[in-house]
């Protein structure tokens, strides 16, 4: 299932006309930069766990196909 993310831009907290990602918030009023950092942390953790599972193949599951 695809998850949709919605972000709210708060122009009332803006000082200039340039869009600043620090002023973007999630619907729960959480800063966008914090959300992205947490998402990246979760992604990095999942990649690390997958690599660990690939490297830790149990000995009985390693087959010699060259015989």
PDB file of N, CA and C in Angstrom:
ATOM      1  N   UNK A   1       0.845  -1.175   0.000  1.00  0.00           N
ATOM      2  CA  UNK A   1       0.000   0.000   0.000  1.00  0.00           C
ATOM      3  C   UNK A   1       0.894   1.243   0.000  1.00  0.00           C
ATOM      4  N   UNK A   2       0.524   2.187  -0.800  1.00  0.00           N
ATOM      5  CA  UNK A   2       1.306   3.417  -0.894  1.00  0.00           C
ATOM      6  C   UNK A   2       0.852   4.401   0.177  1.00  0.00           C
ATOM      7  N   UNK A   3       1.817   4.995   0.838  1.00  0.00           N
ATOM      8  CA  UNK A   3       1.506   5.953   1.897  1.00  0.00           C
ATOM      9  C   UNK A   3       1.694   7.363   1.352  1.00  0.00           C
ATOM     10  N   UNK A   4       0.723   8.192   1.564  1.00  0.00           N
ATOM     11  CA  UNK A   4       0.809   9.576   1.107  1.00  0.00           C
ATOM     12  C   UNK A   4       1.256  10.471   2.250  1.00  0.00           C
ATOM     13  N   UNK A   5       2.156  11.371   1.920  1.00  0.00           N
ATOM     14  CA  UNK A   5       2.625  12.342   2.906  1.00  0.00           C
ATOM     15  C   UNK A   5       2.147  13.723   2.495  1.00  0.00           C
ATOM     16  N   UNK A   6       1.568  14.432   3.420  1.00  0.00           N
ATOM     17  CA  UNK A   6       1.114  15.790   3.163  1.00  0.00           C
ATOM     18  C   UNK A   6       1.948  16.753   3.991  1.00  0.00           C
ATOM     19  N   UNK A   7       2.322  17.842   3.366  1.00  0.00           N
ATOM     20  CA  UNK A   7       3.114  18.849   4.062  1.00  0.00           C
ATOM     21  C   UNK A   7       2.428  20.198   3.956  1.00  0.00           C
ATOM     22  N   UNK A   8       2.499  20.936   5.022  1.00  0.00           N
ATOM     23  CA  UNK A   8       1.853  22.243   5.098  1.00  0.00           C
ATOM     24  C   UNK A   8       2.943  23.304   5.147  1.00  0.00           C
ATOM     25  N   UNK A   9       2.817  24.300   4.279  1.00  0.00           N
ATOM     26  CA  UNK A   9       3.777  25.398   4.289  1.00  0.00           C
ATOM     27  C   UNK A   9       3.189  26.526   5.112  1.00  0.00           C
ATOM     28  N   UNK A  10       3.960  27.029   6.049  1.00  0.00           N
ATOM     29  CA  UNK A  10       3.474  28.064   6.952  1.00  0.00           C
ATOM     30  C   UNK A  10       4.047  29.423   6.552  1.00  0.00           C
ATOM     31  N   UNK A  11       3.409  30.127   5.652  1.00  0.00           N
ATOM     32  CA  UNK A  11       3.943  31.430   5.238  1.00  0.00           C
ATOM     33  C   UNK A  11       3.900  32.473   6.349  1.00  0.00           C
ATOM     34  N   UNK A  12       3.060  32.245   7.360  1.00  0.00           N
ATOM     35  CA  UNK A  12       3.005  33.202   8.462  1.00  0.00           C
ATOM     36  C   UNK A  12       4.305  33.192   9.276  1.00  0.00           C
ATOM     37  N   UNK A  13       5.080  32.123   9.167  1.00  0.00           N
ATOM     38  CA  UNK A  13       6.368  32.060   9.862  1.00  0.00           C
ATOM     39  C   UNK A  13       7.523  32.451   8.932  1.00  0.00           C
ATOM     40  N   UNK A  14       7.185  32.957   7.779  1.00  0.00           N
ATOM     41  CA  UNK A  14       8.180  33.257   6.763  1.00  0.00           C
ATOM     42  C   UNK A  14       8.629  34.710   6.842  1.00  0.00           C
ATOM     43  N   UNK A  15       9.926  34.934   6.640  1.00  0.00           N
ATOM     44  CA  UNK A  15      10.458  36.293   6.665  1.00  0.00           C
ATOM     45  C   UNK A  15      10.762  36.803   5.264  1.00  0.00           C
ATOM     46  N   UNK A  16      11.148  35.907   4.362  1.00  0.00           N
ATOM     47  CA  UNK A  16      11.438  36.311   2.986  1.00  0.00           C
ATOM     48  C   UNK A  16      10.512  35.560   2.038  1.00  0.00           C
ATOM     49  N   UNK A  17      10.625  35.843   0.748  1.00  0.00           N
ATOM     50  CA  UNK A  17       9.746  35.201  -0.230  1.00  0.00           C
ATOM     51  C   UNK A  17      10.308  33.884  -0.747  1.00  0.00           C
ATOM     52  N   UNK A  18      11.490  33.510  -0.299  1.00  0.00           N
ATOM     53  CA  UNK A  18      12.093  32.243  -0.712  1.00  0.00           C
ATOM     54  C   UNK A  18      11.524  31.130   0.167  1.00  0.00           C
ATOM     55  N   UNK A  19      11.124  30.022  -0.461  1.00  0.00           N
ATOM     56  CA  UNK A  19      10.562  28.909   0.313  1.00  0.00           C
ATOM     57  C   UNK A  19      11.686  28.211   1.062  1.00  0.00           C
ATOM     58  N   UNK A  20      11.536  28.145   2.331  1.00  0.00           N
ATOM     59  CA  UNK A  20      12.532  27.533   3.201  1.00  0.00           C
ATOM     60  C   UNK A  20      11.976  26.203   3.709  1.00  0.00           C
ATOM     61  N   UNK A  21      12.679  25.086   3.474  1.00  0.00           N
ATOM     62  CA  UNK A  21      12.167  23.793   3.949  1.00  0.00           C
ATOM     63  C   UNK A  21      12.001  23.725   5.465  1.00  0.00           C
ATOM     64  N   UNK A  22      12.712  24.582   6.185  1.00  0.00           N
ATOM     65  CA  UNK A  22      12.556  24.591   7.639  1.00  0.00           C
ATOM     66  C   UNK A  22      11.183  25.106   8.069  1.00  0.00           C
ATOM     67  N   UNK A  23      10.485  25.747   7.156  1.00  0.00           N
ATOM     68  CA  UNK A  23       9.154  26.267   7.479  1.00  0.00           C
ATOM     69  C   UNK A  23       8.037  25.346   6.996  1.00  0.00           C
ATOM     70  N   UNK A  24       8.395  24.200   6.451  1.00  0.00           N
ATOM     71  CA  UNK A  24       7.396  23.221   6.028  1.00  0.00           C
ATOM     72  C   UNK A  24       7.135  22.272   7.197  1.00  0.00           C
ATOM     73  N   UNK A  25       5.881  21.953   7.386  1.00  0.00           N
ATOM     74  CA  UNK A  25       5.478  21.115   8.517  1.00  0.00           C
ATOM     75  C   UNK A  25       4.578  19.993   8.036  1.00  0.00           C
ATOM     76  N   UNK A  26       4.571  18.899   8.763  1.00  0.00           N
ATOM     77  CA  UNK A  26       3.616  17.840   8.472  1.00  0.00           C
ATOM     78  C   UNK A  26       2.260  18.263   9.030  1.00  0.00           C
ATOM     79  N   UNK A  27       1.265  17.454   8.789  1.00  0.00           N
ATOM     80  CA  UNK A  27      -0.075  17.790   9.278  1.00  0.00           C
ATOM     81  C   UNK A  27      -0.099  17.829  10.802  1.00  0.00           C
ATOM     82  N   UNK A  28       0.769  17.052  11.434  1.00  0.00           N
ATOM     83  CA  UNK A  28       0.837  17.024  12.899  1.00  0.00           C
ATOM     84  C   UNK A  28       1.694  18.142  13.458  1.00  0.00           C
ATOM     85  N   UNK A  29       2.021  19.117  12.637  1.00  0.00           N
ATOM     86  CA  UNK A  29       2.830  20.278  13.025  1.00  0.00           C
ATOM     87  C   UNK A  29       4.254  19.870  13.422  1.00  0.00           C
ATOM     88  N   UNK A  30       4.758  18.888  12.701  1.00  0.00           N
ATOM     89  CA  UNK A  30       6.137  18.432  12.904  1.00  0.00           C
ATOM     90  C   UNK A  30       6.993  18.996  11.773  1.00  0.00           C
ATOM     91  N   UNK A  31       8.165  19.527  12.035  1.00  0.00           N
ATOM     92  CA  UNK A  31       8.991  20.112  10.971  1.00  0.00           C
ATOM     93  C   UNK A  31       9.386  19.085   9.903  1.00  0.00           C
ATOM     94  N   UNK A  32       9.395  19.532   8.667  1.00  0.00           N
ATOM     95  CA  UNK A  32       9.719  18.654   7.543  1.00  0.00           C
ATOM     96  C   UNK A  32      11.137  18.092   7.656  1.00  0.00           C
ATOM     97  N   UNK A  33      12.080  18.912   8.047  1.00  0.00           N
ATOM     98  CA  UNK A  33      13.469  18.445   8.141  1.00  0.00           C
ATOM     99  C   UNK A  33      13.612  17.328   9.178  1.00  0.00           C
ATOM    100  N   UNK A  34      12.898  17.443  10.268  1.00  0.00           N
ATOM    101  CA  UNK A  34      12.921  16.387  11.294  1.00  0.00           C
ATOM    102  C   UNK A  34      12.288  15.109  10.752  1.00  0.00           C
ATOM    103  N   UNK A  35      11.181  15.249  10.032  1.00  0.00           N
ATOM    104  CA  UNK A  35      10.503  14.109   9.428  1.00  0.00           C
ATOM    105  C   UNK A  35      11.432  13.391   8.440  1.00  0.00           C
ATOM    106  N   UNK A  36      12.101  14.162   7.584  1.00  0.00           N
ATOM    107  CA  UNK A  36      13.010  13.570   6.602  1.00  0.00           C
ATOM    108  C   UNK A  36      14.180  12.865   7.282  1.00  0.00           C
ATOM    109  N   UNK A  37      14.702  13.451   8.317  1.00  0.00           N
ATOM    110  CA  UNK A  37      15.817  12.839   9.045  1.00  0.00           C
ATOM    111  C   UNK A  37      15.382  11.504   9.649  1.00  0.00           C
ATOM    112  N   UNK A  38      14.200  11.469  10.241  1.00  0.00           N
ATOM    113  CA  UNK A  38      13.698  10.226  10.827  1.00  0.00           C
ATOM    114  C   UNK A  38      13.440   9.166   9.760  1.00  0.00           C
ATOM    115  N   UNK A  39      12.891   9.581   8.625  1.00  0.00           N
ATOM    116  CA  UNK A  39      12.649   8.642   7.531  1.00  0.00           C
ATOM    117  C   UNK A  39      13.967   8.054   7.029  1.00  0.00           C
ATOM    118  N   UNK A  40      14.982   8.890   6.909  1.00  0.00           N
ATOM    119  CA  UNK A  40      16.297   8.422   6.461  1.00  0.00           C
ATOM    120  C   UNK A  40      16.914   7.473   7.476  1.00  0.00           C
ATOM    121  N   UNK A  41      16.728   7.756   8.751  1.00  0.00           N
ATOM    122  CA  UNK A  41      17.250   6.881   9.801  1.00  0.00           C
ATOM    123  C   UNK A  41      16.598   5.502   9.724  1.00  0.00           C
ATOM    124  N   UNK A  42      15.295   5.464   9.529  1.00  0.00           N
ATOM    125  CA  UNK A  42      14.573   4.189   9.412  1.00  0.00           C
ATOM    126  C   UNK A  42      15.044   3.436   8.172  1.00  0.00           C
ATOM    127  N   UNK A  43      15.194   4.144   7.064  1.00  0.00           N
ATOM    128  CA  UNK A  43      15.659   3.521   5.825  1.00  0.00           C
ATOM    129  C   UNK A  43      17.059   2.927   6.012  1.00  0.00           C
ATOM    130  N   UNK A  44      17.964   3.690   6.607  1.00  0.00           N
ATOM    131  CA  UNK A  44      19.328   3.204   6.848  1.00  0.00           C
ATOM    132  C   UNK A  44      19.328   1.966   7.739  1.00  0.00           C
ATOM    133  N   UNK A  45      18.482   1.962   8.753  1.00  0.00           N
ATOM    134  CA  UNK A  45      18.389   0.812   9.650  1.00  0.00           C
ATOM    135  C   UNK A  45      17.894  -0.429   8.895  1.00  0.00           C
ATOM    136  N   UNK A  46      16.880  -0.263   8.055  1.00  0.00           N
ATOM    137  CA  UNK A  46      16.346  -1.394   7.290  1.00  0.00           C
ATOM    138  C   UNK A  46      17.393  -1.950   6.332  1.00  0.00           C
ATOM    139  N   UNK A  47      18.130  -1.066   5.671  1.00  0.00           N
ATOM    140  CA  UNK A  47      19.189  -1.512   4.763  1.00  0.00           C
ATOM    141  C   UNK A  47      20.265  -2.276   5.535  1.00  0.00           C
ATOM    142  N   UNK A  48      20.630  -1.787   6.688  1.00  0.00           N
ATOM    143  CA  UNK A  48      21.638  -2.444   7.527  1.00  0.00           C
ATOM    144  C   UNK A  48      21.174  -3.846   7.938  1.00  0.00           C
ATOM    145  N   UNK A  49      19.909  -3.970   8.328  1.00  0.00           N
ATOM    146  CA  UNK A  49      19.385  -5.269   8.746  1.00  0.00           C
ATOM    147  C   UNK A  49      19.333  -6.250   7.573  1.00  0.00           C
ATOM    148  N   UNK A  50      18.969  -5.773   6.407  1.00  0.00           N
ATOM    149  CA  UNK A  50      18.922  -6.637   5.224  1.00  0.00           C
ATOM    150  C   UNK A  50      20.326  -7.115   4.868  1.00  0.00           C
ATOM    151  N   UNK A  51      21.293  -6.216   4.898  1.00  0.00           N
ATOM    152  CA  UNK A  51      22.679  -6.607   4.611  1.00  0.00           C
ATOM    153  C   UNK A  51      23.173  -7.629   5.625  1.00  0.00           C
ATOM    154  N   UNK A  52      22.804  -7.441   6.865  1.00  0.00           N
ATOM    155  CA  UNK A  52      23.219  -8.372   7.915  1.00  0.00           C
ATOM    156  C   UNK A  52      22.600  -9.756   7.685  1.00  0.00           C
ATOM    157  N   UNK A  53      21.332  -9.808   7.281  1.00  0.00           N
ATOM    158  CA  UNK A  53      20.679 -11.090   7.014  1.00  0.00           C
ATOM    159  C   UNK A  53      21.322 -11.794   5.826  1.00  0.00           C
ATOM    160  N   UNK A  54      21.697 -11.018   4.813  1.00  0.00           N
ATOM    161  CA  UNK A  54      22.334 -11.606   3.636  1.00  0.00           C
ATOM    162  C   UNK A  54      23.704 -12.178   4.005  1.00  0.00           C
ATOM    163  N   UNK A  55      24.445 -11.478   4.822  1.00  0.00           N
ATOM    164  CA  UNK A  55      25.788 -11.926   5.203  1.00  0.00           C
ATOM    165  C   UNK A  55      25.750 -13.092   6.189  1.00  0.00           C
ATOM    166  N   UNK A  56      24.707 -13.208   6.975  1.00  0.00           N
ATOM    167  CA  UNK A  56      24.626 -14.242   8.011  1.00  0.00           C
ATOM    168  C   UNK A  56      23.771 -15.429   7.560  1.00  0.00           C
ATOM    169  N   UNK A  57      24.102 -15.984   6.401  1.00  0.00           N
ATOM    170  CA  UNK A  57      23.350 -17.149   5.928  1.00  0.00           C
ATOM    171  C   UNK A  57      23.782 -18.351   6.767  1.00  0.00           C
ATOM    172  N   UNK A  58      22.837 -19.091   7.309  1.00  0.00           N
ATOM    173  CA  UNK A  58      23.208 -20.271   8.107  1.00  0.00           C
ATOM    174  C   UNK A  58      23.985 -21.287   7.253  1.00  0.00           C
ATOM    175  N   UNK A  59      24.876 -22.002   7.878  1.00  0.00           N
ATOM    176  CA  UNK A  59      25.774 -22.920   7.168  1.00  0.00           C
ATOM    177  C   UNK A  59      25.008 -24.006   6.414  1.00  0.00           C
ATOM    178  N   UNK A  60      23.906 -24.495   6.968  1.00  0.00           N
ATOM    179  CA  UNK A  60      23.159 -25.557   6.314  1.00  0.00           C
ATOM    180  C   UNK A  60      22.435 -25.081   5.055  1.00  0.00           C
ATOM    181  N   UNK A  61      22.308 -23.791   4.869  1.00  0.00           N
ATOM    182  CA  UNK A  61      21.638 -23.278   3.677  1.00  0.00           C
ATOM    183  C   UNK A  61      22.616 -22.946   2.553  1.00  0.00           C
ATOM    184  N   UNK A  62      23.897 -23.112   2.797  1.00  0.00           N
ATOM    185  CA  UNK A  62      24.897 -22.857   1.761  1.00  0.00           C
ATOM    186  C   UNK A  62      25.120 -24.172   1.019  1.00  0.00           C
ATOM    187  N   UNK A  63      24.829 -24.169  -0.267  1.00  0.00           N
ATOM    188  CA  UNK A  63      24.946 -25.372  -1.077  1.00  0.00           C
ATOM    189  C   UNK A  63      26.119 -25.228  -2.034  1.00  0.00           C
ATOM    190  N   UNK A  64      26.760 -26.342  -2.313  1.00  0.00           N
ATOM    191  CA  UNK A  64      27.865 -26.338  -3.264  1.00  0.00           C
ATOM    192  C   UNK A  64      27.306 -26.768  -4.616  1.00  0.00           C
ATOM    193  N   UNK A  65      27.121 -25.817  -5.511  1.00  0.00           N
ATOM    194  CA  UNK A  65      26.534 -26.103  -6.813  1.00  0.00           C
ATOM    195  C   UNK A  65      27.593 -26.511  -7.838  1.00  0.00           C
ATOM    196  N   UNK A  66      28.850 -26.528  -7.462  1.00  0.00           N
ATOM    197  CA  UNK A  66      29.915 -26.827  -8.420  1.00  0.00           C
ATOM    198  C   UNK A  66      30.262 -28.314  -8.468  1.00  0.00           C
ATOM    199  N   UNK A  67      29.613 -29.139  -7.703  1.00  0.00           N
ATOM    200  CA  UNK A  67      29.909 -30.584  -7.721  1.00  0.00           C
ATOM    201  C   UNK A  67      29.255 -31.259  -8.883  1.00  0.00           C
TER     202      UNK A  67
END
